Amino acid sequence: MSRFKYLAVVAAVGMVVAACSSGDSDDTTTTEATTTTEATTTTTAAPAEQSIAGIVASTDGFSTLLAAVEAAGLTETLDTGGPFTVFAPTDEAFAALPEGTLDALLADADALTDVLLYHVVEGAVMAADVVGLTSATTLQGSEITISVEGDSVVLNDSATVTATDVMASNGVIHVIDAVLLPPEG
């Protein structure tokens, strides 16, 4: 059974740490990812030769997101397409959805695809550029709002970016602490 079992993004620190813990000391191609938790900011390295799908698949805490991507048939797109910017919710973010929401999404491929594509923006938008934006159009077609509140970047007034600039061969991942649901209609 594939690791893309559930549609969520993993804990920010867990994702960055797992992506960096390959144990391969010969790997010299890395980029930095910044993790912010409250007032603490740390920097860790992530392999840039993995695709977005590869990073999500190899990182603990993204099991829900992986499952959702697979159920929606988006694995190949996130593996070979792009460049993309993915605002990746953690497993904890998916767990915080109202009861039954995740099960309903996993049972409805069209709705699931809409939710997943609402987390993806065309092009590799680095954190330094995200903070200068007020909105971005997602691959789902709707816009997400972006605001800077103190040291935090917040999407749609509900999801805080907890880790930034996790580099992939086909884009960049920014970890968020809530699932974004596209507007209805």
N, C-alpha and C. Protein backbone atom coordinates (compact mmCIF):
# COMPACT_ATOMS: atom_id res chain seq x y z
N MET A 1 0.85 -1.18 0.00
CA MET A 1 0.00 0.00 0.00
C MET A 1 0.89 1.24 0.00
N SER A 2 0.52 2.24 -0.76
CA SER A 2 1.34 3.44 -0.92
C SER A 2 1.32 4.29 0.35
N ARG A 3 2.38 5.09 0.49
CA ARG A 3 2.49 5.97 1.65
C ARG A 3 1.55 7.17 1.52
N PHE A 4 0.95 7.41 0.36
CA PHE A 4 0.01 8.52 0.16
C PHE A 4 -1.34 8.09 0.68
N LYS A 5 -1.41 7.77 1.96
CA LYS A 5 -2.60 7.22 2.55
C LYS A 5 -3.56 8.29 3.00
N TYR A 6 -3.13 9.40 3.47
CA TYR A 6 -4.03 10.42 3.99
C TYR A 6 -3.58 11.79 3.55
N LEU A 7 -4.52 12.75 3.45
CA LEU A 7 -4.26 14.07 2.88
C LEU A 7 -3.91 15.14 3.90
N ALA A 8 -2.77 15.10 4.48
CA ALA A 8 -2.45 16.18 5.37
C ALA A 8 -0.99 16.46 5.31
N VAL A 9 -0.63 17.49 5.87
CA VAL A 9 0.77 17.78 5.92
C VAL A 9 1.23 17.58 7.34
N VAL A 10 2.45 17.20 7.46
CA VAL A 10 2.98 16.79 8.74
C VAL A 10 3.41 17.97 9.57
N ALA A 11 3.70 17.67 10.80
CA ALA A 11 4.17 18.72 11.68
C ALA A 11 5.38 19.39 11.04
N ALA A 12 5.44 20.69 11.13
CA ALA A 12 6.49 21.44 10.46
C ALA A 12 7.87 20.95 10.84
N VAL A 13 8.12 20.83 12.09
CA VAL A 13 9.43 20.39 12.51
C VAL A 13 9.68 18.95 12.09
N GLY A 14 8.69 18.10 12.23
CA GLY A 14 8.84 16.70 11.82
C GLY A 14 9.15 16.60 10.34
N MET A 15 8.49 17.41 9.52
CA MET A 15 8.74 17.37 8.09
C MET A 15 10.15 17.78 7.75
N VAL A 16 10.56 18.90 8.28
CA VAL A 16 11.89 19.40 7.95
C VAL A 16 12.96 18.46 8.49
N VAL A 17 12.79 17.99 9.74
CA VAL A 17 13.77 17.10 10.32
C VAL A 17 13.85 15.79 9.55
N ALA A 18 12.70 15.22 9.22
CA ALA A 18 12.71 13.95 8.49
C ALA A 18 13.30 14.11 7.11
N ALA A 19 13.01 15.21 6.45
CA ALA A 19 13.55 15.43 5.11
C ALA A 19 15.06 15.59 5.16
N CYS A 20 15.57 15.96 6.30
CA CYS A 20 17.00 16.20 6.43
C CYS A 20 17.73 15.02 7.04
N SER A 21 17.06 14.01 7.48
CA SER A 21 17.73 12.95 8.23
C SER A 21 17.99 11.71 7.39
N SER A 22 18.43 11.90 6.15
CA SER A 22 18.67 10.75 5.29
C SER A 22 19.88 9.95 5.75
N GLY A 23 20.77 10.59 6.50
CA GLY A 23 21.94 9.89 6.99
C GLY A 23 23.01 9.74 5.92
N ASP A 24 22.83 10.27 4.73
CA ASP A 24 23.78 10.17 3.65
C ASP A 24 24.76 11.32 3.75
N SER A 25 25.95 11.05 4.25
CA SER A 25 26.92 12.10 4.45
C SER A 25 27.56 12.54 3.14
N ASP A 26 27.34 11.79 2.04
CA ASP A 26 27.88 12.17 0.75
C ASP A 26 27.00 13.17 0.04
N ASP A 27 25.82 13.45 0.55
CA ASP A 27 24.90 14.38 -0.07
C ASP A 27 25.37 15.80 0.18
N THR A 28 25.84 16.46 -0.87
CA THR A 28 26.37 17.81 -0.70
C THR A 28 25.44 18.87 -1.27
N THR A 29 24.38 18.47 -1.94
CA THR A 29 23.45 19.43 -2.50
C THR A 29 22.29 19.61 -1.53
N THR A 30 22.31 20.70 -0.78
CA THR A 30 21.24 20.97 0.17
C THR A 30 20.86 22.43 0.08
N THR A 31 19.68 22.70 0.52
CA THR A 31 19.22 24.07 0.65
C THR A 31 18.68 24.22 2.05
N GLU A 32 18.51 25.45 2.48
CA GLU A 32 18.08 25.67 3.85
C GLU A 32 16.59 25.85 3.95
N ALA A 33 16.04 25.38 5.05
CA ALA A 33 14.63 25.57 5.36
C ALA A 33 14.55 26.17 6.74
N THR A 34 13.71 27.16 6.90
CA THR A 34 13.59 27.81 8.19
C THR A 34 12.31 27.35 8.87
N THR A 35 12.44 26.95 10.13
CA THR A 35 11.29 26.53 10.91
C THR A 35 11.09 27.55 12.02
N THR A 36 9.86 28.06 12.12
CA THR A 36 9.56 29.05 13.14
C THR A 36 8.50 28.49 14.07
N THR A 37 8.81 28.45 15.35
CA THR A 37 7.84 28.04 16.36
C THR A 37 7.87 29.10 17.44
N GLU A 38 6.78 29.80 17.56
CA GLU A 38 6.65 30.93 18.46
C GLU A 38 7.80 31.88 18.21
N ALA A 39 8.65 32.13 19.18
CA ALA A 39 9.72 33.10 19.01
C ALA A 39 11.03 32.46 18.58
N THR A 40 11.04 31.17 18.30
CA THR A 40 12.27 30.48 17.96
C THR A 40 12.34 30.18 16.47
N THR A 41 13.46 30.52 15.86
CA THR A 41 13.67 30.21 14.45
C THR A 41 14.96 29.41 14.34
N THR A 42 14.86 28.25 13.67
CA THR A 42 16.05 27.44 13.45
C THR A 42 16.16 27.14 11.96
N THR A 43 17.35 26.79 11.53
CA THR A 43 17.57 26.48 10.13
C THR A 43 18.11 25.07 10.00
N THR A 44 17.54 24.33 9.05
CA THR A 44 18.00 22.97 8.77
C THR A 44 18.11 22.81 7.26
N ALA A 45 18.77 21.76 6.81
CA ALA A 45 18.96 21.55 5.38
C ALA A 45 18.01 20.47 4.87
N ALA A 46 17.58 20.61 3.62
CA ALA A 46 16.71 19.63 2.98
C ALA A 46 17.28 19.30 1.61
N PRO A 47 17.27 18.02 1.23
CA PRO A 47 17.81 17.67 -0.09
C PRO A 47 16.98 18.27 -1.21
N ALA A 48 17.63 18.95 -2.14
CA ALA A 48 16.93 19.61 -3.24
C ALA A 48 16.73 18.69 -4.43
N GLU A 49 17.31 17.50 -4.41
CA GLU A 49 17.15 16.62 -5.55
C GLU A 49 15.88 15.79 -5.49
N GLN A 50 15.11 15.87 -4.43
CA GLN A 50 13.82 15.18 -4.34
C GLN A 50 12.72 16.09 -4.87
N SER A 51 11.72 15.48 -5.50
CA SER A 51 10.55 16.23 -5.95
C SER A 51 9.67 16.57 -4.75
N ILE A 52 8.67 17.40 -4.98
CA ILE A 52 7.71 17.71 -3.92
C ILE A 52 7.07 16.42 -3.42
N ALA A 53 6.64 15.56 -4.35
CA ALA A 53 6.04 14.29 -3.95
C ALA A 53 7.03 13.43 -3.17
N GLY A 54 8.28 13.44 -3.58
CA GLY A 54 9.30 12.66 -2.90
C GLY A 54 9.55 13.13 -1.48
N ILE A 55 9.60 14.44 -1.29
CA ILE A 55 9.80 14.98 0.06
C ILE A 55 8.62 14.63 0.95
N VAL A 56 7.41 14.81 0.44
CA VAL A 56 6.23 14.49 1.24
C VAL A 56 6.20 13.00 1.56
N ALA A 57 6.57 12.15 0.59
CA ALA A 57 6.56 10.70 0.80
C ALA A 57 7.62 10.24 1.78
N SER A 58 8.73 10.95 1.85
CA SER A 58 9.83 10.49 2.69
C SER A 58 9.90 11.19 4.04
N THR A 59 8.91 12.00 4.34
CA THR A 59 8.93 12.78 5.57
C THR A 59 7.83 12.32 6.51
N ASP A 60 8.21 11.99 7.74
CA ASP A 60 7.21 11.63 8.74
C ASP A 60 6.29 12.82 8.97
N GLY A 61 5.03 12.53 9.17
CA GLY A 61 4.07 13.57 9.49
C GLY A 61 3.26 14.05 8.29
N PHE A 62 3.56 13.54 7.11
CA PHE A 62 2.79 13.91 5.92
C PHE A 62 1.96 12.75 5.41
N SER A 63 1.69 11.77 6.25
CA SER A 63 0.97 10.58 5.79
C SER A 63 -0.43 10.90 5.29
N THR A 64 -1.11 11.83 5.91
CA THR A 64 -2.45 12.19 5.47
C THR A 64 -2.39 12.90 4.13
N LEU A 65 -1.46 13.82 3.98
CA LEU A 65 -1.29 14.52 2.72
C LEU A 65 -0.93 13.54 1.61
N LEU A 66 -0.04 12.62 1.90
CA LEU A 66 0.36 11.62 0.92
C LEU A 66 -0.83 10.80 0.45
N ALA A 67 -1.63 10.34 1.38
CA ALA A 67 -2.80 9.53 1.03
C ALA A 67 -3.78 10.33 0.18
N ALA A 68 -3.96 11.59 0.51
CA ALA A 68 -4.89 12.42 -0.24
C ALA A 68 -4.38 12.68 -1.65
N VAL A 69 -3.10 12.95 -1.77
CA VAL A 69 -2.51 13.19 -3.09
C VAL A 69 -2.69 11.96 -3.97
N GLU A 70 -2.45 10.80 -3.40
CA GLU A 70 -2.63 9.56 -4.16
C GLU A 70 -4.09 9.34 -4.52
N ALA A 71 -4.99 9.54 -3.56
CA ALA A 71 -6.42 9.33 -3.81
C ALA A 71 -6.95 10.27 -4.90
N ALA A 72 -6.37 11.46 -4.99
CA ALA A 72 -6.79 12.44 -5.99
C ALA A 72 -6.08 12.24 -7.32
N GLY A 73 -5.12 11.33 -7.37
CA GLY A 73 -4.39 11.10 -8.61
C GLY A 73 -3.40 12.20 -8.96
N LEU A 74 -2.86 12.88 -7.95
CA LEU A 74 -1.94 13.99 -8.18
C LEU A 74 -0.48 13.65 -7.92
N THR A 75 -0.18 12.40 -7.64
CA THR A 75 1.19 12.01 -7.32
C THR A 75 2.16 12.35 -8.46
N GLU A 76 1.83 11.95 -9.66
CA GLU A 76 2.73 12.20 -10.79
C GLU A 76 2.92 13.70 -11.02
N THR A 77 1.86 14.47 -10.89
CA THR A 77 1.94 15.92 -11.08
C THR A 77 2.93 16.52 -10.09
N LEU A 78 2.84 16.13 -8.82
CA LEU A 78 3.75 16.68 -7.80
C LEU A 78 5.13 16.05 -7.85
N ASP A 79 5.28 15.01 -8.65
CA ASP A 79 6.58 14.37 -8.81
C ASP A 79 7.33 14.94 -10.01
N THR A 80 6.62 15.21 -11.10
CA THR A 80 7.31 15.60 -12.33
C THR A 80 6.88 16.96 -12.86
N GLY A 81 5.76 17.50 -12.42
CA GLY A 81 5.29 18.79 -12.90
C GLY A 81 5.94 19.94 -12.17
N GLY A 82 5.53 21.12 -12.53
CA GLY A 82 6.02 22.29 -11.80
C GLY A 82 6.83 23.21 -12.69
N PRO A 83 7.43 24.20 -12.05
CA PRO A 83 7.60 24.34 -10.61
C PRO A 83 6.31 24.79 -9.91
N PHE A 84 6.18 24.33 -8.67
CA PHE A 84 5.03 24.64 -7.83
C PHE A 84 5.48 25.13 -6.47
N THR A 85 4.60 25.89 -5.83
CA THR A 85 4.73 26.20 -4.42
C THR A 85 3.58 25.49 -3.74
N VAL A 86 3.91 24.64 -2.76
CA VAL A 86 2.89 23.89 -2.03
C VAL A 86 2.85 24.39 -0.59
N PHE A 87 1.67 24.82 -0.16
CA PHE A 87 1.44 25.15 1.24
C PHE A 87 0.90 23.87 1.86
N ALA A 88 1.79 23.15 2.52
CA ALA A 88 1.51 21.79 2.96
C ALA A 88 1.02 21.72 4.39
N PRO A 89 -0.24 21.32 4.60
CA PRO A 89 -0.75 21.16 5.97
C PRO A 89 -0.18 19.89 6.61
N THR A 90 0.02 19.95 7.89
CA THR A 90 0.55 18.82 8.64
C THR A 90 -0.55 17.81 8.95
N ASP A 91 -0.15 16.63 9.40
CA ASP A 91 -1.13 15.64 9.84
C ASP A 91 -2.01 16.23 10.94
N GLU A 92 -1.39 17.03 11.83
CA GLU A 92 -2.15 17.66 12.90
C GLU A 92 -3.19 18.62 12.35
N ALA A 93 -2.85 19.29 11.24
CA ALA A 93 -3.80 20.20 10.61
C ALA A 93 -5.01 19.44 10.09
N PHE A 94 -4.78 18.29 9.48
CA PHE A 94 -5.90 17.48 8.99
C PHE A 94 -6.72 16.94 10.16
N ALA A 95 -6.05 16.57 11.24
CA ALA A 95 -6.75 16.03 12.40
C ALA A 95 -7.66 17.08 13.04
N ALA A 96 -7.32 18.36 12.84
CA ALA A 96 -8.11 19.45 13.43
C ALA A 96 -9.36 19.79 12.62
N LEU A 97 -9.52 19.21 11.45
CA LEU A 97 -10.74 19.46 10.67
C LEU A 97 -11.95 18.96 11.46
N PRO A 98 -13.10 19.56 11.22
CA PRO A 98 -14.31 19.06 11.90
C PRO A 98 -14.51 17.57 11.62
N GLU A 99 -15.04 16.88 12.61
CA GLU A 99 -15.25 15.44 12.50
C GLU A 99 -16.00 15.10 11.21
N GLY A 100 -15.49 14.12 10.50
CA GLY A 100 -16.11 13.64 9.27
C GLY A 100 -15.65 14.34 8.01
N THR A 101 -15.00 15.50 8.13
CA THR A 101 -14.59 16.27 6.96
C THR A 101 -13.56 15.51 6.13
N LEU A 102 -12.53 14.98 6.78
CA LEU A 102 -11.49 14.26 6.04
C LEU A 102 -12.06 13.03 5.37
N ASP A 103 -12.87 12.26 6.08
CA ASP A 103 -13.48 11.07 5.48
C ASP A 103 -14.33 11.44 4.27
N ALA A 104 -15.09 12.53 4.37
CA ALA A 104 -15.93 12.97 3.26
C ALA A 104 -15.07 13.36 2.06
N LEU A 105 -13.96 14.05 2.33
CA LEU A 105 -13.06 14.44 1.24
C LEU A 105 -12.45 13.22 0.57
N LEU A 106 -11.99 12.26 1.37
CA LEU A 106 -11.38 11.06 0.80
C LEU A 106 -12.37 10.24 -0.01
N ALA A 107 -13.66 10.39 0.28
CA ALA A 107 -14.70 9.67 -0.45
C ALA A 107 -15.17 10.42 -1.70
N ASP A 108 -14.76 11.65 -1.87
CA ASP A 108 -15.19 12.49 -2.99
C ASP A 108 -13.95 13.01 -3.72
N ALA A 109 -13.53 12.31 -4.76
CA ALA A 109 -12.28 12.63 -5.47
C ALA A 109 -12.27 14.05 -6.01
N ASP A 110 -13.40 14.55 -6.51
CA ASP A 110 -13.44 15.91 -7.05
C ASP A 110 -13.23 16.95 -5.96
N ALA A 111 -13.92 16.80 -4.84
CA ALA A 111 -13.75 17.73 -3.72
C ALA A 111 -12.34 17.66 -3.16
N LEU A 112 -11.81 16.44 -3.06
CA LEU A 112 -10.45 16.25 -2.56
C LEU A 112 -9.44 16.95 -3.48
N THR A 113 -9.61 16.79 -4.78
CA THR A 113 -8.72 17.43 -5.74
C THR A 113 -8.79 18.94 -5.60
N ASP A 114 -9.99 19.49 -5.44
CA ASP A 114 -10.14 20.94 -5.25
C ASP A 114 -9.39 21.41 -4.00
N VAL A 115 -9.54 20.68 -2.91
CA VAL A 115 -8.86 21.07 -1.66
C VAL A 115 -7.35 21.01 -1.85
N LEU A 116 -6.85 19.95 -2.45
CA LEU A 116 -5.40 19.83 -2.65
C LEU A 116 -4.86 20.92 -3.56
N LEU A 117 -5.54 21.16 -4.68
CA LEU A 117 -5.07 22.19 -5.61
C LEU A 117 -5.19 23.59 -5.02
N TYR A 118 -6.02 23.76 -4.01
CA TYR A 118 -6.14 25.04 -3.31
C TYR A 118 -4.91 25.31 -2.43
N HIS A 119 -4.06 24.33 -2.27
CA HIS A 119 -2.81 24.48 -1.52
C HIS A 119 -1.60 24.66 -2.43
N VAL A 120 -1.82 24.76 -3.74
CA VAL A 120 -0.71 24.80 -4.70
C VAL A 120 -0.80 26.06 -5.55
N VAL A 121 0.35 26.73 -5.69
CA VAL A 121 0.47 27.93 -6.52
C VAL A 121 1.50 27.62 -7.60
N GLU A 122 1.25 28.10 -8.79
CA GLU A 122 2.19 27.89 -9.88
C GLU A 122 3.47 28.69 -9.63
N GLY A 123 4.61 28.07 -9.93
CA GLY A 123 5.90 28.71 -9.75
C GLY A 123 6.46 28.45 -8.36
N ALA A 124 7.76 28.65 -8.23
CA ALA A 124 8.43 28.48 -6.93
C ALA A 124 8.50 29.85 -6.25
N VAL A 125 7.62 30.07 -5.29
CA VAL A 125 7.54 31.35 -4.59
C VAL A 125 8.22 31.20 -3.23
N MET A 126 9.37 31.81 -3.10
CA MET A 126 10.14 31.70 -1.87
C MET A 126 9.51 32.56 -0.76
N ALA A 127 9.84 32.25 0.47
CA ALA A 127 9.27 32.96 1.62
C ALA A 127 9.51 34.46 1.53
N ALA A 128 10.68 34.85 1.06
CA ALA A 128 10.99 36.28 0.95
C ALA A 128 10.03 36.98 0.00
N ASP A 129 9.49 36.25 -0.98
CA ASP A 129 8.52 36.82 -1.91
C ASP A 129 7.09 36.72 -1.37
N VAL A 130 6.80 35.62 -0.67
CA VAL A 130 5.46 35.43 -0.11
C VAL A 130 5.09 36.59 0.80
N VAL A 131 6.02 37.05 1.62
CA VAL A 131 5.70 38.12 2.58
C VAL A 131 5.34 39.43 1.90
N GLY A 132 5.67 39.58 0.63
CA GLY A 132 5.32 40.78 -0.11
C GLY A 132 4.00 40.69 -0.84
N LEU A 133 3.34 39.54 -0.76
CA LEU A 133 2.07 39.33 -1.46
C LEU A 133 0.88 39.55 -0.53
N THR A 134 -0.25 39.91 -1.11
CA THR A 134 -1.49 40.00 -0.34
C THR A 134 -2.43 38.86 -0.72
N SER A 135 -2.17 38.23 -1.87
CA SER A 135 -2.96 37.08 -2.30
C SER A 135 -2.19 36.32 -3.37
N ALA A 136 -2.66 35.11 -3.66
CA ALA A 136 -2.08 34.29 -4.72
C ALA A 136 -3.18 33.42 -5.30
N THR A 137 -3.14 33.24 -6.60
CA THR A 137 -4.12 32.38 -7.26
C THR A 137 -3.62 30.95 -7.23
N THR A 138 -4.46 30.05 -6.75
CA THR A 138 -4.08 28.65 -6.62
C THR A 138 -4.40 27.89 -7.90
N LEU A 139 -3.88 26.67 -8.02
CA LEU A 139 -4.19 25.83 -9.17
C LEU A 139 -5.66 25.42 -9.18
N GLN A 140 -6.34 25.52 -8.05
CA GLN A 140 -7.77 25.23 -7.97
C GLN A 140 -8.55 26.34 -8.66
N GLY A 141 -7.96 27.53 -8.76
CA GLY A 141 -8.60 28.65 -9.44
C GLY A 141 -9.00 29.79 -8.53
N SER A 142 -9.12 29.52 -7.26
CA SER A 142 -9.48 30.57 -6.29
C SER A 142 -8.22 31.16 -5.69
N GLU A 143 -8.39 32.34 -5.11
CA GLU A 143 -7.26 32.99 -4.46
C GLU A 143 -7.21 32.67 -2.97
N ILE A 144 -5.99 32.65 -2.45
CA ILE A 144 -5.79 32.63 -1.00
C ILE A 144 -5.29 34.01 -0.61
N THR A 145 -5.69 34.46 0.57
CA THR A 145 -5.18 35.73 1.06
C THR A 145 -3.94 35.48 1.87
N ILE A 146 -3.03 36.43 1.82
CA ILE A 146 -1.76 36.31 2.53
C ILE A 146 -1.58 37.58 3.35
N SER A 147 -1.29 37.41 4.64
CA SER A 147 -1.01 38.57 5.48
C SER A 147 0.17 38.27 6.38
N VAL A 148 0.85 39.32 6.77
CA VAL A 148 1.96 39.19 7.71
C VAL A 148 1.49 39.77 9.03
N GLU A 149 1.53 38.94 10.07
CA GLU A 149 1.11 39.35 11.40
C GLU A 149 2.28 39.16 12.34
N GLY A 150 2.98 40.24 12.62
CA GLY A 150 4.20 40.15 13.42
C GLY A 150 5.26 39.40 12.62
N ASP A 151 5.75 38.30 13.19
CA ASP A 151 6.75 37.47 12.52
C ASP A 151 6.12 36.32 11.76
N SER A 152 4.81 36.27 11.67
CA SER A 152 4.12 35.14 11.06
C SER A 152 3.45 35.52 9.74
N VAL A 153 3.44 34.55 8.83
CA VAL A 153 2.67 34.68 7.59
C VAL A 153 1.42 33.83 7.77
N VAL A 154 0.25 34.43 7.50
CA VAL A 154 -1.03 33.77 7.72
C VAL A 154 -1.78 33.73 6.39
N LEU A 155 -2.34 32.55 6.07
CA LEU A 155 -3.12 32.36 4.86
C LEU A 155 -4.60 32.29 5.22
N ASN A 156 -5.41 33.06 4.51
CA ASN A 156 -6.87 33.07 4.72
C ASN A 156 -7.26 33.29 6.18
N ASP A 157 -6.48 34.05 6.89
CA ASP A 157 -6.74 34.36 8.30
C ASP A 157 -6.88 33.12 9.18
N SER A 158 -6.38 31.95 8.70
CA SER A 158 -6.58 30.73 9.49
C SER A 158 -5.38 29.81 9.57
N ALA A 159 -4.49 29.85 8.61
CA ALA A 159 -3.35 28.92 8.59
C ALA A 159 -2.06 29.71 8.69
N THR A 160 -1.23 29.35 9.66
CA THR A 160 0.06 30.01 9.84
C THR A 160 1.15 29.17 9.19
N VAL A 161 2.04 29.83 8.49
CA VAL A 161 3.19 29.15 7.90
C VAL A 161 4.17 28.86 9.02
N THR A 162 4.52 27.58 9.20
CA THR A 162 5.39 27.18 10.30
C THR A 162 6.79 26.79 9.86
N ALA A 163 6.98 26.50 8.59
CA ALA A 163 8.32 26.21 8.04
C ALA A 163 8.32 26.69 6.60
N THR A 164 9.44 27.25 6.17
CA THR A 164 9.50 27.84 4.83
C THR A 164 10.67 27.31 4.03
N ASP A 165 10.53 27.48 2.72
CA ASP A 165 11.62 27.23 1.77
C ASP A 165 12.21 25.84 1.86
N VAL A 166 11.37 24.83 1.97
CA VAL A 166 11.82 23.44 1.87
C VAL A 166 11.94 23.18 0.37
N MET A 167 13.16 23.16 -0.13
CA MET A 167 13.40 23.12 -1.56
C MET A 167 13.22 21.71 -2.12
N ALA A 168 12.56 21.65 -3.26
CA ALA A 168 12.36 20.41 -4.00
C ALA A 168 12.89 20.62 -5.42
N SER A 169 13.09 19.54 -6.14
CA SER A 169 13.60 19.66 -7.51
C SER A 169 12.59 20.36 -8.42
N ASN A 170 11.33 20.36 -8.05
CA ASN A 170 10.30 20.98 -8.88
C ASN A 170 9.49 22.05 -8.14
N GLY A 171 10.14 22.72 -7.19
CA GLY A 171 9.46 23.81 -6.49
C GLY A 171 9.87 23.94 -5.05
N VAL A 172 8.94 24.41 -4.25
CA VAL A 172 9.21 24.69 -2.85
C VAL A 172 7.98 24.36 -2.01
N ILE A 173 8.22 23.93 -0.78
CA ILE A 173 7.15 23.63 0.17
C ILE A 173 7.24 24.61 1.34
N HIS A 174 6.09 25.14 1.72
CA HIS A 174 5.95 25.91 2.95
C HIS A 174 4.93 25.15 3.80
N VAL A 175 5.29 24.80 5.01
CA VAL A 175 4.43 24.01 5.88
C VAL A 175 3.45 24.94 6.59
N ILE A 176 2.18 24.50 6.68
CA ILE A 176 1.16 25.30 7.35
C ILE A 176 0.46 24.45 8.42
N ASP A 177 -0.15 25.13 9.39
CA ASP A 177 -0.73 24.44 10.54
C ASP A 177 -2.24 24.24 10.45
N ALA A 178 -2.84 24.51 9.30
CA ALA A 178 -4.28 24.31 9.12
C ALA A 178 -4.56 23.96 7.66
N VAL A 179 -5.61 23.23 7.43
CA VAL A 179 -6.03 22.89 6.07
C VAL A 179 -6.85 24.05 5.52
N LEU A 180 -6.54 24.46 4.30
CA LEU A 180 -7.28 25.53 3.64
C LEU A 180 -8.41 24.91 2.84
N LEU A 181 -9.61 25.38 3.04
CA LEU A 181 -10.75 24.89 2.28
C LEU A 181 -11.15 25.96 1.28
N PRO A 182 -11.27 25.58 0.00
CA PRO A 182 -11.62 26.59 -1.01
C PRO A 182 -13.02 27.15 -0.79
N PRO A 183 -13.24 28.37 -1.28
CA PRO A 183 -14.58 28.95 -1.14
C PRO A 183 -15.58 28.11 -1.94
N GLU A 184 -16.77 28.03 -1.43
CA GLU A 184 -17.81 27.26 -2.12
C GLU A 184 -18.39 28.09 -3.24
N GLY A 185 -18.77 27.38 -4.31
CA GLY A 185 -19.44 28.07 -5.38
C GLY A 185 -18.68 28.22 -6.62
